[in-house]
Amino acid sequence: MNRTTLACYSLLASAFVLAAMVFMQLQDKSILAQANAAMVVNDAPVSAMTLRARNDDEVLCILENTSQRLLIYNTDVSRKQLRLVQNINLAQYFGRINATGGGGGRTSR
C-alpha cells in the first residue's frame, strides 16, 4: 500500500468521523428533518452543504479536501453576505483527538 492510497483511506475515514460528529451535534429532529440532498454540492476537491442553525440562520459548510479544512460561514441572505464563523484545520483537530486517546476506541494492552 503506497502513501497516496493510505492518505485517501485516511481522508475517507476522517470524512465518516466528521459526519458522525455533525449528526451527534444536530440531534434536534427539526434540523435533521430539513436535510435535503439537493442542498449538497460535491465537486472534488470541495464539498459544500447549506443547513439551518438552531437560531434559524442559514449556514454554509465547505469541506476542502486538499487543505483538509472545514470552513463554516454564516449567511445573511437579505444582505447577500457571508461571514466566516469557523475555520477548522481537520488534520490538527483529528491529530489532537488521536493524541489524547479519543480516536478509534482502541485500548492499550
PDB file of N, CA and C in Angstrom:
ATOM      1  N   MET A   1       0.858  -1.171   0.000  1.00  0.00           N
ATOM      2  CA  MET A   1       0.000   0.000   0.000  1.00  0.00           C
ATOM      3  C   MET A   1       0.913   1.246   0.000  1.00  0.00           C
ATOM      4  N   ASN A   2       0.755   2.108  -1.001  1.00  0.00           N
ATOM      5  CA  ASN A   2       1.605   3.288  -1.081  1.00  0.00           C
ATOM      6  C   ASN A   2       1.014   4.433  -0.263  1.00  0.00           C
ATOM      7  N   ARG A   3       1.755   5.515  -0.181  1.00  0.00           N
ATOM      8  CA  ARG A   3       1.342   6.654   0.650  1.00  0.00           C
ATOM      9  C   ARG A   3       0.073   7.319   0.144  1.00  0.00           C
ATOM     10  N   THR A   4      -0.099   7.396  -1.168  1.00  0.00           N
ATOM     11  CA  THR A   4      -1.286   8.035  -1.728  1.00  0.00           C
ATOM     12  C   THR A   4      -2.541   7.271  -1.347  1.00  0.00           C
ATOM     13  N   THR A   5      -2.498   5.957  -1.457  1.00  0.00           N
ATOM     14  CA  THR A   5      -3.643   5.134  -1.082  1.00  0.00           C
ATOM     15  C   THR A   5      -3.944   5.267   0.401  1.00  0.00           C
ATOM     16  N   LEU A   6      -2.906   5.242   1.216  1.00  0.00           N
ATOM     17  CA  LEU A   6      -3.079   5.382   2.658  1.00  0.00           C
ATOM     18  C   LEU A   6      -3.682   6.747   2.992  1.00  0.00           C
ATOM     19  N   ALA A   7      -3.242   7.795   2.313  1.00  0.00           N
ATOM     20  CA  ALA A   7      -3.783   9.134   2.551  1.00  0.00           C
ATOM     21  C   ALA A   7      -5.251   9.203   2.149  1.00  0.00           C
ATOM     22  N   CYS A   8      -5.620   8.562   1.045  1.00  0.00           N
ATOM     23  CA  CYS A   8      -7.022   8.550   0.603  1.00  0.00           C
ATOM     24  C   CYS A   8      -7.904   7.832   1.613  1.00  0.00           C
ATOM     25  N   TYR A   9      -7.438   6.694   2.117  1.00  0.00           N
ATOM     26  CA  TYR A   9      -8.214   5.973   3.118  1.00  0.00           C
ATOM     27  C   TYR A   9      -8.337   6.790   4.406  1.00  0.00           C
ATOM     28  N   SER A  10      -7.281   7.470   4.787  1.00  0.00           N
ATOM     29  CA  SER A  10      -7.323   8.298   5.991  1.00  0.00           C
ATOM     30  C   SER A  10      -8.310   9.442   5.831  1.00  0.00           C
ATOM     31  N   LEU A  11      -8.315  10.068   4.672  1.00  0.00           N
ATOM     32  CA  LEU A  11      -9.235  11.165   4.415  1.00  0.00           C
ATOM     33  C   LEU A  11     -10.682  10.683   4.394  1.00  0.00           C
ATOM     34  N   LEU A  12     -10.911   9.526   3.829  1.00  0.00           N
ATOM     35  CA  LEU A  12     -12.253   8.947   3.804  1.00  0.00           C
ATOM     36  C   LEU A  12     -12.727   8.619   5.221  1.00  0.00           C
ATOM     37  N   ALA A  13     -11.851   8.052   6.026  1.00  0.00           N
ATOM     38  CA  ALA A  13     -12.195   7.747   7.414  1.00  0.00           C
ATOM     39  C   ALA A  13     -12.484   9.031   8.190  1.00  0.00           C
ATOM     40  N   SER A  14     -11.705  10.074   7.929  1.00  0.00           N
ATOM     41  CA  SER A  14     -11.939  11.359   8.582  1.00  0.00           C
ATOM     42  C   SER A  14     -13.292  11.935   8.192  1.00  0.00           C
ATOM     43  N   ALA A  15     -13.680  11.767   6.942  1.00  0.00           N
ATOM     44  CA  ALA A  15     -14.980  12.273   6.492  1.00  0.00           C
ATOM     45  C   ALA A  15     -16.112  11.556   7.220  1.00  0.00           C
ATOM     46  N   PHE A  16     -16.006  10.242   7.410  1.00  0.00           N
ATOM     47  CA  PHE A  16     -17.034   9.498   8.137  1.00  0.00           C
ATOM     48  C   PHE A  16     -17.098   9.932   9.597  1.00  0.00           C
ATOM     49  N   VAL A  17     -15.935  10.136  10.214  1.00  0.00           N
ATOM     50  CA  VAL A  17     -15.909  10.580  11.609  1.00  0.00           C
ATOM     51  C   VAL A  17     -16.512  11.970  11.727  1.00  0.00           C
ATOM     52  N   LEU A  18     -16.180  12.850  10.798  1.00  0.00           N
ATOM     53  CA  LEU A  18     -16.732  14.205  10.807  1.00  0.00           C
ATOM     54  C   LEU A  18     -18.249  14.179  10.629  1.00  0.00           C
ATOM     55  N   ALA A  19     -18.747  13.352   9.731  1.00  0.00           N
ATOM     56  CA  ALA A  19     -20.190  13.238   9.531  1.00  0.00           C
ATOM     57  C   ALA A  19     -20.871  12.733  10.801  1.00  0.00           C
ATOM     58  N   ALA A  20     -20.265  11.780  11.479  1.00  0.00           N
ATOM     59  CA  ALA A  20     -20.835  11.266  12.724  1.00  0.00           C
ATOM     60  C   ALA A  20     -20.865  12.355  13.793  1.00  0.00           C
ATOM     61  N   MET A  21     -19.810  13.150  13.863  1.00  0.00           N
ATOM     62  CA  MET A  21     -19.772  14.245  14.838  1.00  0.00           C
ATOM     63  C   MET A  21     -20.835  15.292  14.531  1.00  0.00           C
ATOM     64  N   VAL A  22     -21.039  15.596  13.258  1.00  0.00           N
ATOM     65  CA  VAL A  22     -22.064  16.570  12.878  1.00  0.00           C
ATOM     66  C   VAL A  22     -23.446  16.058  13.261  1.00  0.00           C
ATOM     67  N   PHE A  23     -23.725  14.791  12.989  1.00  0.00           N
ATOM     68  CA  PHE A  23     -25.029  14.232  13.337  1.00  0.00           C
ATOM     69  C   PHE A  23     -25.230  14.177  14.844  1.00  0.00           C
ATOM     70  N   MET A  24     -24.165  13.954  15.606  1.00  0.00           N
ATOM     71  CA  MET A  24     -24.295  13.955  17.058  1.00  0.00           C
ATOM     72  C   MET A  24     -24.643  15.355  17.562  1.00  0.00           C
ATOM     73  N   GLN A  25     -24.076  16.378  16.943  1.00  0.00           N
ATOM     74  CA  GLN A  25     -24.364  17.751  17.344  1.00  0.00           C
ATOM     75  C   GLN A  25     -25.763  18.188  16.914  1.00  0.00           C
ATOM     76  N   LEU A  26     -26.274  17.612  15.866  1.00  0.00           N
ATOM     77  CA  LEU A  26     -27.574  18.006  15.325  1.00  0.00           C
ATOM     78  C   LEU A  26     -28.669  17.020  15.712  1.00  0.00           C
ATOM     79  N   GLN A  27     -28.747  16.684  16.970  1.00  0.00           N
ATOM     80  CA  GLN A  27     -29.723  15.702  17.412  1.00  0.00           C
ATOM     81  C   GLN A  27     -31.139  16.252  17.456  1.00  0.00           C
ATOM     82  N   ASP A  28     -31.290  17.552  17.305  1.00  0.00           N
ATOM     83  CA  ASP A  28     -32.625  18.148  17.258  1.00  0.00           C
ATOM     84  C   ASP A  28     -33.311  17.677  15.981  1.00  0.00           C
ATOM     85  N   LYS A  29     -34.412  16.992  16.108  1.00  0.00           N
ATOM     86  CA  LYS A  29     -35.071  16.376  14.956  1.00  0.00           C
ATOM     87  C   LYS A  29     -35.577  17.389  13.943  1.00  0.00           C
ATOM     88  N   SER A  30     -35.914  18.604  14.371  1.00  0.00           N
ATOM     89  CA  SER A  30     -36.404  19.587  13.416  1.00  0.00           C
ATOM     90  C   SER A  30     -35.304  19.986  12.441  1.00  0.00           C
ATOM     91  N   ILE A  31     -34.070  20.005  12.888  1.00  0.00           N
ATOM     92  CA  ILE A  31     -32.958  20.316  11.985  1.00  0.00           C
ATOM     93  C   ILE A  31     -32.706  19.143  11.044  1.00  0.00           C
ATOM     94  N   LEU A  32     -32.703  17.929  11.572  1.00  0.00           N
ATOM     95  CA  LEU A  32     -32.443  16.768  10.740  1.00  0.00           C
ATOM     96  C   LEU A  32     -33.558  16.539   9.723  1.00  0.00           C
ATOM     97  N   ALA A  33     -34.779  16.880  10.071  1.00  0.00           N
ATOM     98  CA  ALA A  33     -35.881  16.685   9.149  1.00  0.00           C
ATOM     99  C   ALA A  33     -35.784  17.616   7.941  1.00  0.00           C
ATOM    100  N   GLN A  34     -35.054  18.732   8.067  1.00  0.00           N
ATOM    101  CA  GLN A  34     -34.937  19.680   6.980  1.00  0.00           C
ATOM    102  C   GLN A  34     -33.801  19.345   6.023  1.00  0.00           C
ATOM    103  N   ALA A  35     -33.022  18.323   6.322  1.00  0.00           N
ATOM    104  CA  ALA A  35     -31.907  17.971   5.453  1.00  0.00           C
ATOM    105  C   ALA A  35     -32.442  17.561   4.088  1.00  0.00           C
ATOM    106  N   ASN A  36     -31.756  18.032   3.063  1.00  0.00           N
ATOM    107  CA  ASN A  36     -32.201  17.779   1.701  1.00  0.00           C
ATOM    108  C   ASN A  36     -30.961  17.537   0.853  1.00  0.00           C
ATOM    109  N   ALA A  37     -30.914  16.433   0.155  1.00  0.00           N
ATOM    110  CA  ALA A  37     -29.731  16.100  -0.647  1.00  0.00           C
ATOM    111  C   ALA A  37     -29.484  17.107  -1.757  1.00  0.00           C
ATOM    112  N   ALA A  38     -30.495  17.864  -2.136  1.00  0.00           N
ATOM    113  CA  ALA A  38     -30.316  18.879  -3.174  1.00  0.00           C
ATOM    114  C   ALA A  38     -29.461  20.044  -2.677  1.00  0.00           C
ATOM    115  N   MET A  39     -29.304  20.146  -1.352  1.00  0.00           N
ATOM    116  CA  MET A  39     -28.522  21.241  -0.790  1.00  0.00           C
ATOM    117  C   MET A  39     -27.036  20.917  -0.703  1.00  0.00           C
ATOM    118  N   VAL A  40     -26.614  19.754  -1.138  1.00  0.00           N
ATOM    119  CA  VAL A  40     -25.218  19.338  -1.062  1.00  0.00           C
ATOM    120  C   VAL A  40     -24.584  19.417  -2.443  1.00  0.00           C
ATOM    121  N   VAL A  41     -23.397  20.036  -2.493  1.00  0.00           N
ATOM    122  CA  VAL A  41     -22.633  20.097  -3.731  1.00  0.00           C
ATOM    123  C   VAL A  41     -21.319  19.370  -3.474  1.00  0.00           C
ATOM    124  N   ASN A  42     -21.060  18.341  -4.255  1.00  0.00           N
ATOM    125  CA  ASN A  42     -19.831  17.581  -4.101  1.00  0.00           C
ATOM    126  C   ASN A  42     -19.081  17.637  -5.418  1.00  0.00           C
ATOM    127  N   ASP A  43     -18.134  18.521  -5.499  1.00  0.00           N
ATOM    128  CA  ASP A  43     -17.325  18.699  -6.701  1.00  0.00           C
ATOM    129  C   ASP A  43     -15.872  18.667  -6.258  1.00  0.00           C
ATOM    130  N   ALA A  44     -15.212  17.532  -6.472  1.00  0.00           N
ATOM    131  CA  ALA A  44     -13.851  17.339  -5.973  1.00  0.00           C
ATOM    132  C   ALA A  44     -12.982  18.510  -6.367  1.00  0.00           C
ATOM    133  N   PRO A  45     -12.169  19.004  -5.488  1.00  0.00           N
ATOM    134  CA  PRO A  45     -11.874  18.600  -4.114  1.00  0.00           C
ATOM    135  C   PRO A  45     -12.672  19.351  -3.054  1.00  0.00           C
ATOM    136  N   VAL A  46     -13.836  19.894  -3.380  1.00  0.00           N
ATOM    137  CA  VAL A  46     -14.619  20.677  -2.430  1.00  0.00           C
ATOM    138  C   VAL A  46     -16.022  20.087  -2.299  1.00  0.00           C
ATOM    139  N   SER A  47     -16.506  20.011  -1.062  1.00  0.00           N
ATOM    140  CA  SER A  47     -17.890  19.632  -0.795  1.00  0.00           C
ATOM    141  C   SER A  47     -18.525  20.771  -0.011  1.00  0.00           C
ATOM    142  N   ALA A  48     -19.750  21.121  -0.376  1.00  0.00           N
ATOM    143  CA  ALA A  48     -20.446  22.218   0.297  1.00  0.00           C
ATOM    144  C   ALA A  48     -21.855  21.779   0.651  1.00  0.00           C
ATOM    145  N   MET A  49     -22.339  22.285   1.787  1.00  0.00           N
ATOM    146  CA  MET A  49     -23.679  21.960   2.228  1.00  0.00           C
ATOM    147  C   MET A  49     -24.250  23.152   2.973  1.00  0.00           C
ATOM    148  N   THR A  50     -25.500  23.462   2.714  1.00  0.00           N
ATOM    149  CA  THR A  50     -26.174  24.502   3.482  1.00  0.00           C
ATOM    150  C   THR A  50     -27.123  23.842   4.460  1.00  0.00           C
ATOM    151  N   LEU A  51     -27.315  24.499   5.598  1.00  0.00           N
ATOM    152  CA  LEU A  51     -28.229  23.989   6.603  1.00  0.00           C
ATOM    153  C   LEU A  51     -28.730  25.138   7.455  1.00  0.00           C
ATOM    154  N   ARG A  52     -29.751  24.876   8.227  1.00  0.00           N
ATOM    155  CA  ARG A  52     -30.293  25.877   9.143  1.00  0.00           C
ATOM    156  C   ARG A  52     -29.746  25.609  10.534  1.00  0.00           C
ATOM    157  N   ALA A  53     -29.243  26.668  11.165  1.00  0.00           N
ATOM    158  CA  ALA A  53     -28.751  26.566  12.534  1.00  0.00           C
ATOM    159  C   ALA A  53     -29.939  26.612  13.490  1.00  0.00           C
ATOM    160  N   ARG A  54     -29.680  26.375  14.750  1.00  0.00           N
ATOM    161  CA  ARG A  54     -30.757  26.347  15.738  1.00  0.00           C
ATOM    162  C   ARG A  54     -31.446  27.694  15.889  1.00  0.00           C
ATOM    163  N   ASN A  55     -30.727  28.780  15.662  1.00  0.00           N
ATOM    164  CA  ASN A  55     -31.344  30.104  15.770  1.00  0.00           C
ATOM    165  C   ASN A  55     -31.953  30.542  14.442  1.00  0.00           C
ATOM    166  N   ASP A  56     -32.209  29.592  13.543  1.00  0.00           N
ATOM    167  CA  ASP A  56     -32.862  29.806  12.246  1.00  0.00           C
ATOM    168  C   ASP A  56     -31.999  30.583  11.257  1.00  0.00           C
ATOM    169  N   ASP A  57     -30.700  30.606  11.458  1.00  0.00           N
ATOM    170  CA  ASP A  57     -29.782  31.224  10.497  1.00  0.00           C
ATOM    171  C   ASP A  57     -29.402  30.200   9.440  1.00  0.00           C
ATOM    172  N   GLU A  58     -29.084  30.683   8.249  1.00  0.00           N
ATOM    173  CA  GLU A  58     -28.546  29.829   7.190  1.00  0.00           C
ATOM    174  C   GLU A  58     -27.044  29.695   7.413  1.00  0.00           C
ATOM    175  N   VAL A  59     -26.540  28.480   7.295  1.00  0.00           N
ATOM    176  CA  VAL A  59     -25.119  28.205   7.483  1.00  0.00           C
ATOM    177  C   VAL A  59     -24.613  27.468   6.253  1.00  0.00           C
ATOM    178  N   LEU A  60     -23.440  27.860   5.782  1.00  0.00           N
ATOM    179  CA  LEU A  60     -22.785  27.206   4.655  1.00  0.00           C
ATOM    180  C   LEU A  60     -21.532  26.522   5.177  1.00  0.00           C
ATOM    181  N   CYS A  61     -21.434  25.208   4.978  1.00  0.00           N
ATOM    182  CA  CYS A  61     -20.258  24.433   5.402  1.00  0.00           C
ATOM    183  C   CYS A  61     -19.519  23.982   4.150  1.00  0.00           C
ATOM    184  N   ILE A  62     -18.223  24.249   4.126  1.00  0.00           N
ATOM    185  CA  ILE A  62     -17.393  23.863   2.985  1.00  0.00           C
ATOM    186  C   ILE A  62     -16.252  23.000   3.501  1.00  0.00           C
ATOM    187  N   LEU A  63     -16.131  21.807   2.929  1.00  0.00           N
ATOM    188  CA  LEU A  63     -15.052  20.887   3.267  1.00  0.00           C
ATOM    189  C   LEU A  63     -14.080  20.876   2.103  1.00  0.00           C
ATOM    190  N   GLU A  64     -12.855  21.360   2.357  1.00  0.00           N
ATOM    191  CA  GLU A  64     -11.813  21.389   1.327  1.00  0.00           C
ATOM    192  C   GLU A  64     -10.898  20.198   1.552  1.00  0.00           C
ATOM    193  N   ASN A  65     -10.904  19.267   0.612  1.00  0.00           N
ATOM    194  CA  ASN A  65     -10.111  18.052   0.772  1.00  0.00           C
ATOM    195  C   ASN A  65      -8.618  18.309   0.664  1.00  0.00           C
ATOM    196  N   THR A  66      -8.202  19.213  -0.220  1.00  0.00           N
ATOM    197  CA  THR A  66      -6.774  19.423  -0.426  1.00  0.00           C
ATOM    198  C   THR A  66      -6.111  20.087   0.773  1.00  0.00           C
ATOM    199  N   SER A  67      -6.761  21.071   1.371  1.00  0.00           N
ATOM    200  CA  SER A  67      -6.174  21.749   2.528  1.00  0.00           C
ATOM    201  C   SER A  67      -6.631  21.133   3.847  1.00  0.00           C
ATOM    202  N   GLN A  68      -7.517  20.170   3.798  1.00  0.00           N
ATOM    203  CA  GLN A  68      -8.064  19.480   4.969  1.00  0.00           C
ATOM    204  C   GLN A  68      -8.643  20.476   5.964  1.00  0.00           C
ATOM    205  N   ARG A  69      -9.494  21.354   5.460  1.00  0.00           N
ATOM    206  CA  ARG A  69     -10.123  22.376   6.292  1.00  0.00           C
ATOM    207  C   ARG A  69     -11.635  22.313   6.154  1.00  0.00           C
ATOM    208  N   LEU A  70     -12.302  22.643   7.244  1.00  0.00           N
ATOM    209  CA  LEU A  70     -13.744  22.801   7.260  1.00  0.00           C
ATOM    210  C   LEU A  70     -14.029  24.272   7.522  1.00  0.00           C
ATOM    211  N   LEU A  71     -14.664  24.926   6.562  1.00  0.00           N
ATOM    212  CA  LEU A  71     -14.995  26.338   6.675  1.00  0.00           C
ATOM    213  C   LEU A  71     -16.495  26.459   6.918  1.00  0.00           C
ATOM    214  N   ILE A  72     -16.861  27.197   7.950  1.00  0.00           N
ATOM    215  CA  ILE A  72     -18.262  27.375   8.293  1.00  0.00           C
ATOM    216  C   ILE A  72     -18.591  28.865   8.184  1.00  0.00           C
ATOM    217  N   TYR A  73     -19.543  29.166   7.308  1.00  0.00           N
ATOM    218  CA  TYR A  73     -19.947  30.544   7.057  1.00  0.00           C
ATOM    219  C   TYR A  73     -21.374  30.754   7.538  1.00  0.00           C
ATOM    220  N   ASN A  74     -21.616  31.916   8.145  1.00  0.00           N
ATOM    221  CA  ASN A  74     -22.966  32.342   8.472  1.00  0.00           C
ATOM    222  C   ASN A  74     -23.437  33.223   7.329  1.00  0.00           C
ATOM    223  N   THR A  75     -24.607  32.944   6.805  1.00  0.00           N
ATOM    224  CA  THR A  75     -25.096  33.702   5.655  1.00  0.00           C
ATOM    225  C   THR A  75     -26.175  34.682   6.065  1.00  0.00           C
ATOM    226  N   ASP A  76     -26.142  35.839   5.449  1.00  0.00           N
ATOM    227  CA  ASP A  76     -27.201  36.836   5.605  1.00  0.00           C
ATOM    228  C   ASP A  76     -27.807  37.015   4.224  1.00  0.00           C
ATOM    229  N   VAL A  77     -28.902  36.300   3.973  1.00  0.00           N
ATOM    230  CA  VAL A  77     -29.499  36.260   2.651  1.00  0.00           C
ATOM    231  C   VAL A  77     -30.030  37.631   2.238  1.00  0.00           C
ATOM    232  N   SER A  78     -30.599  38.357   3.187  1.00  0.00           N
ATOM    233  CA  SER A  78     -31.169  39.660   2.843  1.00  0.00           C
ATOM    234  C   SER A  78     -30.097  40.647   2.381  1.00  0.00           C
ATOM    235  N   ARG A  79     -28.901  40.567   2.957  1.00  0.00           N
ATOM    236  CA  ARG A  79     -27.799  41.461   2.562  1.00  0.00           C
ATOM    237  C   ARG A  79     -26.854  40.827   1.550  1.00  0.00           C
ATOM    238  N   LYS A  80     -27.097  39.558   1.221  1.00  0.00           N
ATOM    239  CA  LYS A  80     -26.241  38.810   0.304  1.00  0.00           C
ATOM    240  C   LYS A  80     -24.786  38.825   0.773  1.00  0.00           C
ATOM    241  N   GLN A  81     -24.588  38.428   2.041  1.00  0.00           N
ATOM    242  CA  GLN A  81     -23.258  38.427   2.649  1.00  0.00           C
ATOM    243  C   GLN A  81     -22.958  37.069   3.280  1.00  0.00           C
ATOM    244  N   LEU A  82     -21.667  36.732   3.310  1.00  0.00           N
ATOM    245  CA  LEU A  82     -21.162  35.568   4.028  1.00  0.00           C
ATOM    246  C   LEU A  82     -20.165  36.058   5.067  1.00  0.00           C
ATOM    247  N   ARG A  83     -20.235  35.466   6.276  1.00  0.00           N
ATOM    248  CA  ARG A  83     -19.274  35.806   7.328  1.00  0.00           C
ATOM    249  C   ARG A  83     -18.664  34.507   7.833  1.00  0.00           C
ATOM    250  N   LEU A  84     -17.321  34.436   7.781  1.00  0.00           N
ATOM    251  CA  LEU A  84     -16.625  33.229   8.238  1.00  0.00           C
ATOM    252  C   LEU A  84     -16.773  33.112   9.752  1.00  0.00           C
ATOM    253  N   VAL A  85     -17.376  32.002  10.200  1.00  0.00           N
ATOM    254  CA  VAL A  85     -17.583  31.769  11.625  1.00  0.00           C
ATOM    255  C   VAL A  85     -16.446  30.926  12.189  1.00  0.00           C
ATOM    256  N   GLN A  86     -16.098  29.840  11.488  1.00  0.00           N
ATOM    257  CA  GLN A  86     -15.022  28.965  11.945  1.00  0.00           C
ATOM    258  C   GLN A  86     -14.217  28.464  10.766  1.00  0.00           C
ATOM    259  N   ASN A  87     -12.929  28.324  10.990  1.00  0.00           N
ATOM    260  CA  ASN A  87     -12.002  27.749  10.025  1.00  0.00           C
ATOM    261  C   ASN A  87     -11.255  26.650  10.771  1.00  0.00           C
ATOM    262  N   ILE A  88     -11.674  25.412  10.575  1.00  0.00           N
ATOM    263  CA  ILE A  88     -11.145  24.293  11.364  1.00  0.00           C
ATOM    264  C   ILE A  88     -10.143  23.517  10.533  1.00  0.00           C
ATOM    265  N   ASN A  89      -8.928  23.373  11.057  1.00  0.00           N
ATOM    266  CA  ASN A  89      -7.906  22.555  10.423  1.00  0.00           C
ATOM    267  C   ASN A  89      -8.144  21.117  10.878  1.00  0.00           C
ATOM    268  N   LEU A  90      -8.695  20.293  10.001  1.00  0.00           N
ATOM    269  CA  LEU A  90      -9.082  18.939  10.373  1.00  0.00           C
ATOM    270  C   LEU A  90      -7.880  18.055  10.681  1.00  0.00           C
ATOM    271  N   ALA A  91      -6.759  18.285  10.005  1.00  0.00           N
ATOM    272  CA  ALA A  91      -5.561  17.485  10.276  1.00  0.00           C
ATOM    273  C   ALA A  91      -5.107  17.697  11.719  1.00  0.00           C
ATOM    274  N   GLN A  92      -5.092  18.946  12.169  1.00  0.00           N
ATOM    275  CA  GLN A  92      -4.711  19.222  13.561  1.00  0.00           C
ATOM    276  C   GLN A  92      -5.772  18.707  14.523  1.00  0.00           C
ATOM    277  N   TYR A  93      -7.045  18.913  14.185  1.00  0.00           N
ATOM    278  CA  TYR A  93      -8.133  18.515  15.069  1.00  0.00           C
ATOM    279  C   TYR A  93      -8.132  17.014  15.302  1.00  0.00           C
ATOM    280  N   PHE A  94      -8.058  16.230  14.234  1.00  0.00           N
ATOM    281  CA  PHE A  94      -8.074  14.779  14.397  1.00  0.00           C
ATOM    282  C   PHE A  94      -6.760  14.268  14.957  1.00  0.00           C
ATOM    283  N   GLY A  95      -5.661  14.969  14.711  1.00  0.00           N
ATOM    284  CA  GLY A  95      -4.393  14.596  15.332  1.00  0.00           C
ATOM    285  C   GLY A  95      -4.455  14.773  16.835  1.00  0.00           C
ATOM    286  N   ARG A  96      -5.130  15.845  17.286  1.00  0.00           N
ATOM    287  CA  ARG A  96      -5.280  16.117  18.706  1.00  0.00           C
ATOM    288  C   ARG A  96      -6.152  15.061  19.365  1.00  0.00           C
ATOM    289  N   ILE A  97      -7.210  14.623  18.692  1.00  0.00           N
ATOM    290  CA  ILE A  97      -8.090  13.586  19.244  1.00  0.00           C
ATOM    291  C   ILE A  97      -7.319  12.280  19.380  1.00  0.00           C
ATOM    292  N   ASN A  98      -6.551  11.914  18.353  1.00  0.00           N
ATOM    293  CA  ASN A  98      -5.789  10.665  18.413  1.00  0.00           C
ATOM    294  C   ASN A  98      -4.706  10.732  19.472  1.00  0.00           C
ATOM    295  N   ALA A  99      -4.089  11.911  19.666  1.00  0.00           N
ATOM    296  CA  ALA A  99      -3.018  12.051  20.657  1.00  0.00           C
ATOM    297  C   ALA A  99      -3.549  11.910  22.079  1.00  0.00           C
ATOM    298  N   THR A 100      -4.810  12.303  22.314  1.00  0.00           N
ATOM    299  CA  THR A 100      -5.376  12.204  23.657  1.00  0.00           C
ATOM    300  C   THR A 100      -6.060  10.868  23.909  1.00  0.00           C
ATOM    301  N   GLY A 101      -6.010   9.974  22.930  1.00  0.00           N
ATOM    302  CA  GLY A 101      -6.598   8.648  23.117  1.00  0.00           C
ATOM    303  C   GLY A 101      -8.062   8.581  22.763  1.00  0.00           C
ATOM    304  N   GLY A 102      -8.605   9.628  22.129  1.00  0.00           N
ATOM    305  CA  GLY A 102     -10.018   9.638  21.796  1.00  0.00           C
ATOM    306  C   GLY A 102     -10.327   9.036  20.444  1.00  0.00           C
ATOM    307  N   GLY A 103      -9.324   8.682  19.674  1.00  0.00           N
ATOM    308  CA  GLY A 103      -9.601   8.196  18.328  1.00  0.00           C
ATOM    309  C   GLY A 103      -9.667   6.696  18.235  1.00  0.00           C
ATOM    310  N   GLY A 104     -10.680   6.200  17.565  1.00  0.00           N
ATOM    311  CA  GLY A 104     -10.744   4.797  17.219  1.00  0.00           C
ATOM    312  C   GLY A 104     -11.252   3.868  18.289  1.00  0.00           C
ATOM    313  N   GLY A 105     -11.295   4.301  19.548  1.00  0.00           N
ATOM    314  CA  GLY A 105     -11.796   3.449  20.594  1.00  0.00           C
ATOM    315  C   GLY A 105     -10.858   2.312  20.953  1.00  0.00           C
ATOM    316  N   ARG A 106      -9.605   2.422  20.607  1.00  0.00           N
ATOM    317  CA  ARG A 106      -8.646   1.363  20.903  1.00  0.00           C
ATOM    318  C   ARG A 106      -8.144   1.478  22.337  1.00  0.00           C
ATOM    319  N   THR A 107      -7.882   0.361  22.930  1.00  0.00           N
ATOM    320  CA  THR A 107      -7.324   0.348  24.283  1.00  0.00           C
ATOM    321  C   THR A 107      -5.933  -0.235  24.227  1.00  0.00           C
ATOM    322  N   SER A 108      -5.068   0.245  25.125  1.00  0.00           N
ATOM    323  CA  SER A 108      -3.701  -0.283  25.147  1.00  0.00           C
ATOM    324  C   SER A 108      -3.679  -1.623  25.862  1.00  0.00           C
ATOM    325  N   ARG A 109      -2.773  -2.497  25.431  1.00  0.00           N
ATOM    326  CA  ARG A 109      -2.688  -3.831  26.031  1.00  0.00           C
ATOM    327  C   ARG A 109      -1.470  -3.937  26.882  1.00  0.00           C
TER     328      ARG A 109
END
